[in-house]
């Protein structure tokens, strides 16, 4: 079954626009990865610094492939100094789908 990830990233105050732009650029790149089932960016309606990704991958191998992509390394470089703390990442294993 698939692997889903919820990743919460907080931008430093004043850098929200730069972070959002970097995330939007990332979405199309990740969606073209062979094992990516979904890669959806959200932003909190009450906290403009809070971004949340919902990600879904075919399997653990697809997750590992995603982590090793050049565009993931590029994003990490773009975000240096723009985010407040480490991302909160929760991995979930699918049990059943209707």
N, C-alpha and C. Protein backbone atom coordinates (compact mmCIF):
# COMPACT_ATOMS: atom_id res chain seq x y z
N UNK A 1 0.83 -1.18 0.00
CA UNK A 1 0.00 0.00 0.00
C UNK A 1 0.88 1.25 0.00
N UNK A 2 0.25 2.36 -0.26
CA UNK A 2 0.99 3.61 -0.40
C UNK A 2 1.46 4.17 0.94
N UNK A 3 2.39 5.11 0.83
CA UNK A 3 2.93 5.85 1.97
C UNK A 3 2.49 7.30 1.79
N UNK A 4 1.92 7.88 2.85
CA UNK A 4 1.55 9.29 2.83
C UNK A 4 2.40 10.04 3.84
N UNK A 5 2.63 11.29 3.55
CA UNK A 5 3.43 12.15 4.42
C UNK A 5 2.67 13.46 4.63
N UNK A 6 2.64 13.89 5.88
CA UNK A 6 2.16 15.22 6.22
C UNK A 6 3.38 15.99 6.69
N UNK A 7 3.73 17.05 5.98
CA UNK A 7 4.91 17.85 6.32
C UNK A 7 4.47 19.28 6.61
N UNK A 8 4.76 19.73 7.83
CA UNK A 8 4.42 21.10 8.24
C UNK A 8 5.70 21.92 8.31
N UNK A 9 5.71 23.04 7.60
CA UNK A 9 6.89 23.89 7.54
C UNK A 9 6.45 25.32 7.88
N UNK A 10 7.17 25.93 8.79
CA UNK A 10 6.86 27.30 9.21
C UNK A 10 7.90 28.24 8.63
N UNK A 11 7.42 29.23 7.88
CA UNK A 11 8.31 30.26 7.32
C UNK A 11 8.61 31.29 8.40
N UNK A 12 9.79 31.87 8.32
CA UNK A 12 10.09 33.00 9.20
C UNK A 12 9.21 34.17 8.78
N UNK A 13 8.75 34.93 9.75
CA UNK A 13 7.93 36.11 9.45
C UNK A 13 8.67 37.00 8.47
N UNK A 14 7.99 37.41 7.44
CA UNK A 14 8.58 38.25 6.41
C UNK A 14 9.10 37.48 5.20
N UNK A 15 9.24 36.17 5.33
CA UNK A 15 9.75 35.37 4.20
C UNK A 15 8.67 34.48 3.59
N UNK A 16 7.42 34.72 3.97
CA UNK A 16 6.33 33.86 3.49
C UNK A 16 6.24 33.81 1.97
N UNK A 17 6.37 34.93 1.31
CA UNK A 17 6.24 34.97 -0.16
C UNK A 17 7.35 34.17 -0.83
N UNK A 18 8.58 34.29 -0.33
CA UNK A 18 9.70 33.55 -0.92
C UNK A 18 9.51 32.04 -0.71
N UNK A 19 9.07 31.66 0.47
CA UNK A 19 8.85 30.24 0.76
C UNK A 19 7.73 29.70 -0.12
N UNK A 20 6.64 30.44 -0.22
CA UNK A 20 5.52 30.00 -1.04
C UNK A 20 5.93 29.84 -2.51
N UNK A 21 6.70 30.77 -3.02
CA UNK A 21 7.17 30.67 -4.40
C UNK A 21 8.02 29.41 -4.60
N UNK A 22 8.94 29.16 -3.68
CA UNK A 22 9.79 27.97 -3.77
C UNK A 22 8.96 26.70 -3.72
N UNK A 23 7.94 26.67 -2.85
CA UNK A 23 7.08 25.49 -2.75
C UNK A 23 6.26 25.29 -4.02
N UNK A 24 5.73 26.36 -4.58
CA UNK A 24 4.94 26.24 -5.81
C UNK A 24 5.78 25.70 -6.95
N UNK A 25 7.03 26.13 -7.04
CA UNK A 25 7.94 25.62 -8.08
C UNK A 25 8.19 24.13 -7.89
N UNK A 26 8.21 23.70 -6.65
CA UNK A 26 8.50 22.31 -6.33
C UNK A 26 7.35 21.38 -6.71
N UNK A 27 6.12 21.86 -6.60
CA UNK A 27 4.95 21.01 -6.81
C UNK A 27 4.98 20.32 -8.17
N UNK A 28 5.18 21.04 -9.24
CA UNK A 28 5.17 20.43 -10.57
C UNK A 28 6.31 19.43 -10.75
N UNK A 29 7.46 19.74 -10.17
CA UNK A 29 8.60 18.83 -10.28
C UNK A 29 8.32 17.51 -9.58
N UNK A 30 7.75 17.57 -8.40
CA UNK A 30 7.49 16.35 -7.64
C UNK A 30 6.36 15.55 -8.27
N UNK A 31 5.34 16.23 -8.75
CA UNK A 31 4.21 15.51 -9.37
C UNK A 31 4.63 14.70 -10.59
N UNK A 32 5.76 15.03 -11.19
CA UNK A 32 6.23 14.28 -12.36
C UNK A 32 7.10 13.09 -11.96
N UNK A 33 7.39 12.92 -10.67
CA UNK A 33 8.16 11.76 -10.22
C UNK A 33 7.33 10.50 -10.44
N UNK A 34 7.94 9.42 -10.92
CA UNK A 34 7.18 8.21 -11.26
C UNK A 34 6.35 7.63 -10.11
N UNK A 35 6.82 7.67 -8.88
CA UNK A 35 6.10 7.05 -7.77
C UNK A 35 5.20 8.00 -6.99
N UNK A 36 5.08 9.24 -7.45
CA UNK A 36 4.27 10.23 -6.74
C UNK A 36 2.80 10.09 -7.12
N UNK A 37 1.96 9.90 -6.11
CA UNK A 37 0.52 9.80 -6.34
C UNK A 37 -0.18 11.13 -6.08
N UNK A 38 0.35 11.92 -5.13
CA UNK A 38 -0.22 13.24 -4.81
C UNK A 38 0.85 14.07 -4.12
N UNK A 39 0.82 15.36 -4.39
CA UNK A 39 1.74 16.31 -3.75
C UNK A 39 0.99 17.63 -3.71
N UNK A 40 0.37 17.92 -2.57
CA UNK A 40 -0.56 19.03 -2.46
C UNK A 40 -0.06 20.02 -1.41
N UNK A 41 0.03 21.28 -1.79
CA UNK A 41 0.48 22.34 -0.90
C UNK A 41 -0.71 23.06 -0.29
N UNK A 42 -0.64 23.28 1.02
CA UNK A 42 -1.67 24.03 1.74
C UNK A 42 -1.02 25.16 2.52
N UNK A 43 -1.81 26.19 2.82
CA UNK A 43 -1.36 27.29 3.65
C UNK A 43 -2.46 27.57 4.68
N UNK A 44 -2.06 27.79 5.91
CA UNK A 44 -3.02 28.06 6.96
C UNK A 44 -3.77 29.36 6.69
N UNK A 45 -5.10 29.36 6.86
CA UNK A 45 -5.86 30.59 6.69
C UNK A 45 -5.72 31.55 7.87
N UNK A 46 -5.18 31.06 8.99
CA UNK A 46 -5.04 31.90 10.18
C UNK A 46 -3.59 32.25 10.51
N UNK A 47 -2.64 31.53 9.90
CA UNK A 47 -1.22 31.79 10.16
C UNK A 47 -0.49 31.78 8.83
N UNK A 48 -0.20 32.94 8.26
CA UNK A 48 0.42 33.00 6.92
C UNK A 48 1.83 32.43 6.86
N UNK A 49 2.41 32.09 8.00
CA UNK A 49 3.75 31.49 7.99
C UNK A 49 3.70 29.96 7.95
N UNK A 50 2.50 29.38 8.10
CA UNK A 50 2.37 27.92 8.22
C UNK A 50 1.96 27.28 6.89
N UNK A 51 2.83 26.40 6.38
CA UNK A 51 2.57 25.65 5.16
C UNK A 51 2.51 24.17 5.49
N UNK A 52 1.64 23.45 4.78
CA UNK A 52 1.50 22.02 5.00
C UNK A 52 1.44 21.33 3.64
N UNK A 53 2.25 20.29 3.49
CA UNK A 53 2.20 19.44 2.31
C UNK A 53 1.50 18.14 2.67
N UNK A 54 0.61 17.70 1.79
CA UNK A 54 0.10 16.33 1.84
C UNK A 54 0.75 15.64 0.66
N UNK A 55 1.48 14.57 0.96
CA UNK A 55 2.20 13.83 -0.08
C UNK A 55 1.77 12.38 -0.04
N UNK A 56 1.69 11.74 -1.19
CA UNK A 56 1.39 10.32 -1.25
C UNK A 56 2.27 9.69 -2.33
N UNK A 57 2.87 8.55 -1.98
CA UNK A 57 3.79 7.85 -2.87
C UNK A 57 3.39 6.39 -2.97
N UNK A 58 3.73 5.79 -4.10
CA UNK A 58 3.37 4.41 -4.38
C UNK A 58 3.88 3.46 -3.30
N UNK A 59 5.11 3.69 -2.84
CA UNK A 59 5.72 2.81 -1.85
C UNK A 59 6.92 3.50 -1.21
N UNK A 60 7.59 2.81 -0.31
CA UNK A 60 8.73 3.41 0.39
C UNK A 60 9.88 3.72 -0.58
N UNK A 61 10.04 2.92 -1.60
CA UNK A 61 11.09 3.19 -2.59
C UNK A 61 10.85 4.53 -3.29
N UNK A 62 9.59 4.85 -3.55
CA UNK A 62 9.26 6.13 -4.18
C UNK A 62 9.54 7.30 -3.23
N UNK A 63 9.32 7.09 -1.94
CA UNK A 63 9.65 8.12 -0.94
C UNK A 63 11.15 8.37 -0.95
N UNK A 64 11.93 7.31 -0.92
CA UNK A 64 13.39 7.45 -0.92
C UNK A 64 13.88 8.10 -2.21
N UNK A 65 13.28 7.73 -3.33
CA UNK A 65 13.66 8.35 -4.60
C UNK A 65 13.37 9.86 -4.57
N UNK A 66 12.22 10.23 -4.02
CA UNK A 66 11.86 11.64 -3.89
C UNK A 66 12.89 12.40 -3.06
N UNK A 67 13.26 11.82 -1.94
CA UNK A 67 14.22 12.48 -1.05
C UNK A 67 15.58 12.69 -1.71
N UNK A 68 15.92 11.85 -2.67
CA UNK A 68 17.22 11.94 -3.32
C UNK A 68 17.25 12.73 -4.62
N UNK A 69 16.15 13.39 -4.96
CA UNK A 69 16.10 14.12 -6.23
C UNK A 69 16.89 15.42 -6.17
N UNK A 70 17.41 15.86 -7.30
CA UNK A 70 18.10 17.15 -7.35
C UNK A 70 17.18 18.31 -6.95
N UNK A 71 15.89 18.23 -7.30
CA UNK A 71 15.00 19.34 -6.96
C UNK A 71 14.73 19.41 -5.45
N UNK A 72 14.84 18.29 -4.75
CA UNK A 72 14.69 18.33 -3.29
C UNK A 72 15.91 19.02 -2.68
N UNK A 73 17.09 18.71 -3.17
CA UNK A 73 18.31 19.36 -2.68
C UNK A 73 18.27 20.85 -3.00
N UNK A 74 17.77 21.19 -4.18
CA UNK A 74 17.66 22.59 -4.58
C UNK A 74 16.70 23.35 -3.65
N UNK A 75 15.56 22.72 -3.33
CA UNK A 75 14.60 23.36 -2.43
C UNK A 75 15.22 23.61 -1.06
N UNK A 76 15.92 22.62 -0.55
CA UNK A 76 16.55 22.79 0.76
C UNK A 76 17.51 23.98 0.75
N UNK A 77 18.23 24.18 -0.33
CA UNK A 77 19.11 25.33 -0.45
C UNK A 77 18.35 26.64 -0.50
N UNK A 78 17.24 26.67 -1.23
CA UNK A 78 16.43 27.88 -1.34
C UNK A 78 15.81 28.27 0.00
N UNK A 79 15.50 27.28 0.82
CA UNK A 79 14.82 27.55 2.09
C UNK A 79 15.77 27.93 3.22
N UNK A 80 17.06 27.74 3.00
CA UNK A 80 18.04 28.05 4.05
C UNK A 80 17.88 29.49 4.51
N UNK A 81 17.65 29.65 5.81
CA UNK A 81 17.48 30.97 6.40
C UNK A 81 16.08 31.55 6.30
N UNK A 82 15.17 30.83 5.61
CA UNK A 82 13.81 31.34 5.43
C UNK A 82 12.77 30.64 6.29
N UNK A 83 13.13 29.50 6.88
CA UNK A 83 12.17 28.75 7.67
C UNK A 83 12.51 28.82 9.16
N UNK A 84 11.46 28.68 9.95
CA UNK A 84 11.56 28.78 11.40
C UNK A 84 11.56 27.37 12.00
N UNK A 85 12.73 26.84 12.25
CA UNK A 85 12.84 25.50 12.82
C UNK A 85 12.81 24.41 11.77
N UNK A 86 12.83 23.19 12.26
CA UNK A 86 12.80 22.03 11.37
C UNK A 86 11.37 21.69 10.99
N UNK A 87 11.17 21.13 9.81
CA UNK A 87 9.82 20.70 9.43
C UNK A 87 9.33 19.60 10.37
N UNK A 88 8.04 19.58 10.60
CA UNK A 88 7.41 18.48 11.33
C UNK A 88 6.90 17.50 10.27
N UNK A 89 7.42 16.29 10.29
CA UNK A 89 7.07 15.32 9.25
C UNK A 89 6.48 14.08 9.90
N UNK A 90 5.31 13.68 9.40
CA UNK A 90 4.67 12.46 9.87
C UNK A 90 4.44 11.55 8.68
N UNK A 91 4.96 10.33 8.77
CA UNK A 91 4.75 9.34 7.71
C UNK A 91 3.62 8.40 8.12
N UNK A 92 2.78 8.07 7.15
CA UNK A 92 1.61 7.23 7.40
C UNK A 92 1.57 6.11 6.37
N UNK A 93 1.24 4.92 6.83
CA UNK A 93 1.07 3.77 5.93
C UNK A 93 -0.41 3.55 5.70
N UNK A 94 -0.79 3.45 4.45
CA UNK A 94 -2.19 3.24 4.11
C UNK A 94 -2.64 1.87 4.59
N UNK A 95 -3.84 1.83 5.12
CA UNK A 95 -4.41 0.57 5.57
C UNK A 95 -5.48 0.08 4.59
N UNK A 96 -6.39 0.98 4.23
CA UNK A 96 -7.46 0.59 3.32
C UNK A 96 -7.88 1.80 2.50
N UNK A 97 -8.31 1.55 1.28
CA UNK A 97 -8.80 2.61 0.39
C UNK A 97 -10.09 2.14 -0.23
N UNK A 98 -11.05 3.04 -0.33
CA UNK A 98 -12.33 2.69 -0.95
C UNK A 98 -12.39 3.21 -2.36
